[in-house]
C-alpha atoms as a PDB file:
ATOM      1  CA  MET A   1      47.665  17.335 -15.542  1.00  0.00           C
ATOM      2  CA  THR A   2      44.213  15.324 -15.413  1.00  0.00           C
ATOM      3  CA  LYS A   3      42.402  14.548 -12.248  1.00  0.00           C
ATOM      4  CA  LYS A   4      40.948  11.092 -11.478  1.00  0.00           C
ATOM      5  CA  VAL A   5      38.567   9.688  -9.337  1.00  0.00           C
ATOM      6  CA  CYS A   6      38.295   6.264  -8.415  1.00  0.00           C
ATOM      7  CA  PHE A   7      35.728   4.098  -6.138  1.00  0.00           C
ATOM      8  CA  ASP A   8      36.811   0.916  -4.743  1.00  0.00           C
ATOM      9  CA  GLU A   9      34.329  -0.276  -2.070  1.00  0.00           C
ATOM     10  CA  LEU A  10      30.374  -0.187  -1.686  1.00  0.00           C
ATOM     11  CA  SER A  11      28.649   0.166   1.414  1.00  0.00           C
ATOM     12  CA  ILE A  12      25.392  -1.518   1.592  1.00  0.00           C
ATOM     13  CA  ARG A  13      22.838  -1.113   4.502  1.00  0.00           C
ATOM     14  CA  GLU A  14      19.612  -3.092   4.715  1.00  0.00           C
ATOM     15  CA  TYR A  15      16.608  -1.302   6.203  1.00  0.00           C
ATOM     16  CA  PRO A  16      13.387  -3.279   7.568  1.00  0.00           C
ATOM     17  CA  PHE A  17       9.941  -3.181   5.772  1.00  0.00           C
ATOM     18  CA  ILE A  18       7.389  -1.380   8.206  1.00  0.00           C
ATOM     19  CA  LEU A  19       3.822  -0.653   7.828  1.00  0.00           C
ATOM     20  CA  GLY A  20       3.434   2.741   6.185  1.00  0.00           C
ATOM     21  CA  ASP A  21       1.023   5.574   6.169  1.00  0.00           C
ATOM     22  CA  ASN A  22       1.364   6.842   2.207  1.00  0.00           C
ATOM     23  CA  PRO A  23      -2.013   6.956   0.754  1.00  0.00           C
ATOM     24  CA  ALA A  24      -0.481   6.812  -2.733  1.00  0.00           C
ATOM     25  CA  CYS A  25      -0.794   3.260  -3.053  1.00  0.00           C
ATOM     26  CA  SER A  26      -3.577   1.732  -5.164  1.00  0.00           C
ATOM     27  CA  CYS A  27      -5.168  -0.321  -2.715  1.00  0.00           C
ATOM     28  CA  GLY A  28      -4.089  -2.214   0.495  1.00  0.00           C
ATOM     29  CA  ALA A  29      -1.780  -1.216   3.220  1.00  0.00           C
ATOM     30  CA  PRO A  30       1.309   0.581   2.112  1.00  0.00           C
ATOM     31  CA  VAL A  31       4.758  -0.654   2.912  1.00  0.00           C
ATOM     32  CA  SER A  32       7.725   1.666   3.797  1.00  0.00           C
ATOM     33  CA  ILE A  33      11.340   1.086   5.023  1.00  0.00           C
ATOM     34  CA  GLY A  34      12.391   1.906   8.658  1.00  0.00           C
ATOM     35  CA  TRP A  35      14.913   4.464   9.997  1.00  0.00           C
ATOM     36  CA  LYS A  36      17.176   1.979  11.668  1.00  0.00           C
ATOM     37  CA  TYR A  37      19.092  -0.174   9.528  1.00  0.00           C
ATOM     38  CA  GLN A  38      19.345  -4.043  10.428  1.00  0.00           C
ATOM     39  CA  GLU A  39      22.760  -4.827   8.911  1.00  0.00           C
ATOM     40  CA  SER A  40      25.571  -3.164   6.885  1.00  0.00           C
ATOM     41  CA  TYR A  41      28.251  -4.662   4.890  1.00  0.00           C
ATOM     42  CA  SER A  42      30.966  -3.674   2.315  1.00  0.00           C
ATOM     43  CA  ARG A  43      31.566  -5.075  -1.267  1.00  0.00           C
ATOM     44  CA  ASN A  44      34.205  -4.320  -3.807  1.00  0.00           C
ATOM     45  CA  LEU A  45      32.431  -2.121  -6.349  1.00  0.00           C
ATOM     46  CA  ASP A  46      33.743  -4.057  -9.413  1.00  0.00           C
ATOM     47  CA  LEU A  47      32.657  -7.261  -8.128  1.00  0.00           C
ATOM     48  CA  TYR A  48      29.206  -5.805  -7.206  1.00  0.00           C
ATOM     49  CA  GLU A  49      28.539  -4.114 -10.626  1.00  0.00           C
ATOM     50  CA  TYR A  50      29.636  -7.410 -12.452  1.00  0.00           C
ATOM     51  CA  THR A  51      27.070  -9.709 -10.473  1.00  0.00           C
ATOM     52  CA  ARG A  52      24.149  -7.125  -9.554  1.00  0.00           C
ATOM     53  CA  ALA A  53      20.827  -8.022 -11.574  1.00  0.00           C
ATOM     54  CA  GLU A  54      20.016  -5.675 -14.631  1.00  0.00           C
ATOM     55  CA  ARG A  55      18.149  -2.658 -13.506  1.00  0.00           C
ATOM     56  CA  LYS A  56      14.686  -1.992 -14.844  1.00  0.00           C
ATOM     57  CA  GLU A  57      14.009   1.605 -15.848  1.00  0.00           C
ATOM     58  CA  LYS A  58      10.313   1.950 -14.805  1.00  0.00           C
ATOM     59  CA  VAL A  59       9.292   2.079 -11.274  1.00  0.00           C
ATOM     60  CA  GLN A  60       8.355  -1.358  -9.581  1.00  0.00           C
ATOM     61  CA  ARG A  61       5.040  -1.594  -7.888  1.00  0.00           C
ATOM     62  CA  LEU A  62       4.312  -4.170  -5.410  1.00  0.00           C
ATOM     63  CA  PRO A  63       0.844  -5.893  -5.690  1.00  0.00           C
ATOM     64  CA  VAL A  64      -1.454  -5.788  -2.587  1.00  0.00           C
ATOM     65  CA  GLN A  65      -0.910  -9.448  -1.875  1.00  0.00           C
ATOM     66  CA  ARG A  66       2.721  -9.102  -2.073  1.00  0.00           C
ATOM     67  CA  ARG A  67       2.543  -6.017   0.432  1.00  0.00           C
ATOM     68  CA  ALA A  68       0.373  -7.941   2.825  1.00  0.00           C
ATOM     69  CA  GLN A  69       2.689 -11.092   3.044  1.00  0.00           C
ATOM     70  CA  ILE A  70       5.833  -8.584   3.300  1.00  0.00           C
ATOM     71  CA  LEU A  71       3.934  -7.056   6.524  1.00  0.00           C
ATOM     72  CA  LEU A  72       2.842 -10.423   7.761  1.00  0.00           C
ATOM     73  CA  ASN A  73       6.446 -11.634   7.483  1.00  0.00           C
ATOM     74  CA  ALA A  74       7.625  -8.676   9.309  1.00  0.00           C
ATOM     75  CA  GLY A  75       5.401  -9.429  12.210  1.00  0.00           C
ATOM     76  CA  TYR A  76       2.405  -7.213  11.692  1.00  0.00           C
ATOM     77  CA  SER A  77      -1.163  -8.640  12.462  1.00  0.00           C
ATOM     78  CA  LEU A  78      -4.026  -8.878   9.976  1.00  0.00           C
ATOM     79  CA  ASP A  79      -5.729  -6.326  12.294  1.00  0.00           C
ATOM     80  CA  GLN A  80      -2.883  -4.020  12.022  1.00  0.00           C
ATOM     81  CA  ILE A  81      -2.673  -4.116   8.206  1.00  0.00           C
ATOM     82  CA  ALA A  82      -6.642  -3.790   7.962  1.00  0.00           C
ATOM     83  CA  SER A  83      -6.441  -0.681  10.264  1.00  0.00           C
ATOM     84  CA  ALA A  84      -3.790   0.868   7.989  1.00  0.00           C
ATOM     85  CA  THR A  85      -5.649   0.087   4.955  1.00  0.00           C
ATOM     86  CA  MET A  86      -8.640   1.586   6.306  1.00  0.00           C
ATOM     87  CA  LYS A  87      -6.946   4.762   7.277  1.00  0.00           C
ATOM     88  CA  VAL A  88      -5.316   5.065   3.871  1.00  0.00           C
ATOM     89  CA  ASP A  89      -8.951   4.920   2.367  1.00  0.00           C
ATOM     90  CA  GLU A  90     -10.093   7.556   4.503  1.00  0.00           C
ATOM     91  CA  VAL A  91      -7.285   9.836   3.556  1.00  0.00           C
ATOM     92  CA  LYS A  92      -8.011   8.939   0.037  1.00  0.00           C
ATOM     93  CA  LYS A  93     -11.744   9.866   0.423  1.00  0.00           C
ATOM     94  CA  MET A  94     -10.771  13.176   2.315  1.00  0.00           C
ATOM     95  CA  ARG A  95      -8.486  14.160  -0.621  1.00  0.00           C
ATOM     96  CA  ALA A  96     -11.126  13.435  -3.124  1.00  0.00           C
ATOM     97  CA  ASP A  97     -13.732  15.551  -1.267  1.00  0.00           C
ATOM     98  CA  SER A  98     -11.309  18.261  -1.219  1.00  0.00           C
ATOM     99  CA  LEU A  99     -10.553  18.096  -4.670  1.00  0.00           C
ATOM    100  CA  LYS A 100     -14.257  18.226  -5.472  1.00  0.00           C
ATOM    101  CA  ALA A 101     -14.654  20.924  -3.241  1.00  0.00           C
ATOM    102  CA  SER A 102     -11.931  23.036  -4.890  1.00  0.00           C
ATOM    103  CA  GLY A 103     -13.658  22.716  -8.275  1.00  0.00           C
ATOM    104  CA  LEU A 104     -10.270  21.315  -9.608  1.00  0.00           C
ATOM    105  CA  GLY A 105     -11.671  18.217 -10.054  1.00  0.00           C
ATOM    106  CA  ASP A 106     -14.316  19.279 -12.545  1.00  0.00           C
ATOM    107  CA  ARG A 107     -11.621  21.397 -14.352  1.00  0.00           C
ATOM    108  CA  ALA A 108      -9.399  18.400 -14.660  1.00  0.00           C
ATOM    109  CA  LYS A 109     -12.315  16.100 -15.841  1.00  0.00           C
ATOM    110  CA  LEU A 110     -13.165  18.718 -18.508  1.00  0.00           C
ATOM    111  CA  LEU A 111      -9.749  18.833 -19.556  1.00  0.00           C
ATOM    112  CA  LEU A 112      -9.362  15.210 -19.893  1.00  0.00           C
ATOM    113  CA  GLU A 113     -12.419  14.815 -21.695  1.00  0.00           C
ATOM    114  CA  ASN A 114     -11.269  17.489 -24.178  1.00  0.00           C
ATOM    115  CA  THR A 115      -7.700  16.554 -24.546  1.00  0.00           C
ATOM    116  CA  GLY A 116      -7.559  13.001 -23.540  1.00  0.00           C
ATOM    117  CA  LYS A 117      -4.873  13.718 -21.039  1.00  0.00           C
ATOM    118  CA  LEU A 118      -3.991  15.738 -18.138  1.00  0.00           C
ATOM    119  CA  PRO A 119      -0.780  17.969 -17.692  1.00  0.00           C
ATOM    120  CA  LYS A 120       1.716  15.511 -16.162  1.00  0.00           C
ATOM    121  CA  GLU A 121       3.391  18.358 -13.918  1.00  0.00           C
ATOM    122  CA  LEU A 122       0.066  19.051 -12.187  1.00  0.00           C
ATOM    123  CA  PHE A 123      -1.433  15.668 -11.546  1.00  0.00           C
ATOM    124  CA  THR A 124       1.448  13.320 -11.001  1.00  0.00           C
ATOM    125  CA  GLY A 125       0.514  10.851  -8.830  1.00  0.00           C
ATOM    126  CA  MET A 126      -2.919  12.292  -8.395  1.00  0.00           C
ATOM    127  CA  ALA A 127      -4.897  10.775 -11.147  1.00  0.00           C
ATOM    128  CA  ASN A 128      -6.466   8.172  -8.931  1.00  0.00           C
ATOM    129  CA  LEU A 129      -8.223  11.007  -6.937  1.00  0.00           C
ATOM    130  CA  LEU A 130     -10.340  11.929  -9.949  1.00  0.00           C
ATOM    131  CA  VAL A 131     -12.080   8.673  -9.825  1.00  0.00           C
ATOM    132  CA  VAL A 132     -13.700   8.149  -6.403  1.00  0.00           C
ATOM    133  CA  LYS A 133     -14.249   4.496  -5.626  1.00  0.00           C
ATOM    134  CA  PRO A 134     -16.889   3.386  -3.144  1.00  0.00           C
ATOM    135  CA  THR A 135     -15.597   2.690   0.223  1.00  0.00           C
ATOM    136  CA  LYS A 136     -16.203  -0.749   1.844  1.00  0.00           C
ATOM    137  CA  SER A 137     -17.525  -1.250   5.372  1.00  0.00           C
ATOM    138  CA  THR A 138     -15.925  -4.644   5.684  1.00  0.00           C
ATOM    139  CA  ILE A 139     -12.592  -5.860   4.720  1.00  0.00           C
ATOM    140  CA  THR A 140     -11.770  -9.297   3.003  1.00  0.00           C
ATOM    141  CA  ALA A 141      -8.537 -10.865   4.155  1.00  0.00           C
ATOM    142  CA  ARG A 142      -7.012 -13.726   2.199  1.00  0.00           C
ATOM    143  CA  SER A 143      -4.149 -15.606   3.279  1.00  0.00           C
ATOM    144  CA  ALA A 144      -1.095 -16.274   0.923  1.00  0.00           C
END
């Protein structure tokens, strides 16, 4: 006797974009999704699989201009976006200072110079902390 599992319907929920606080973005204000979904609907799984776009294997990163436009369209002001950007920059600076104080940054730079690479399991998502960028005291806003 063989057991069989079948799927028939796919439930989809759409969540709103909100102003995020994750300092891992390269520059600008981070975008997150909210907790409460805006819309929910169901689709036939076979039809969905047939009509959906091809998936790309690598992670998609939104350029800073696109993130700013998403946040403006979501109702955030330029002041709110600029404030979030400055908070993210401050957190990045504090993390870089902490990394320097620990001496780990010096060891990582030495390892990078000697081998040309960093251990991926140790520094995934942290590579931008090794290069400290000067912070700006003013923010230039551009409209899309």
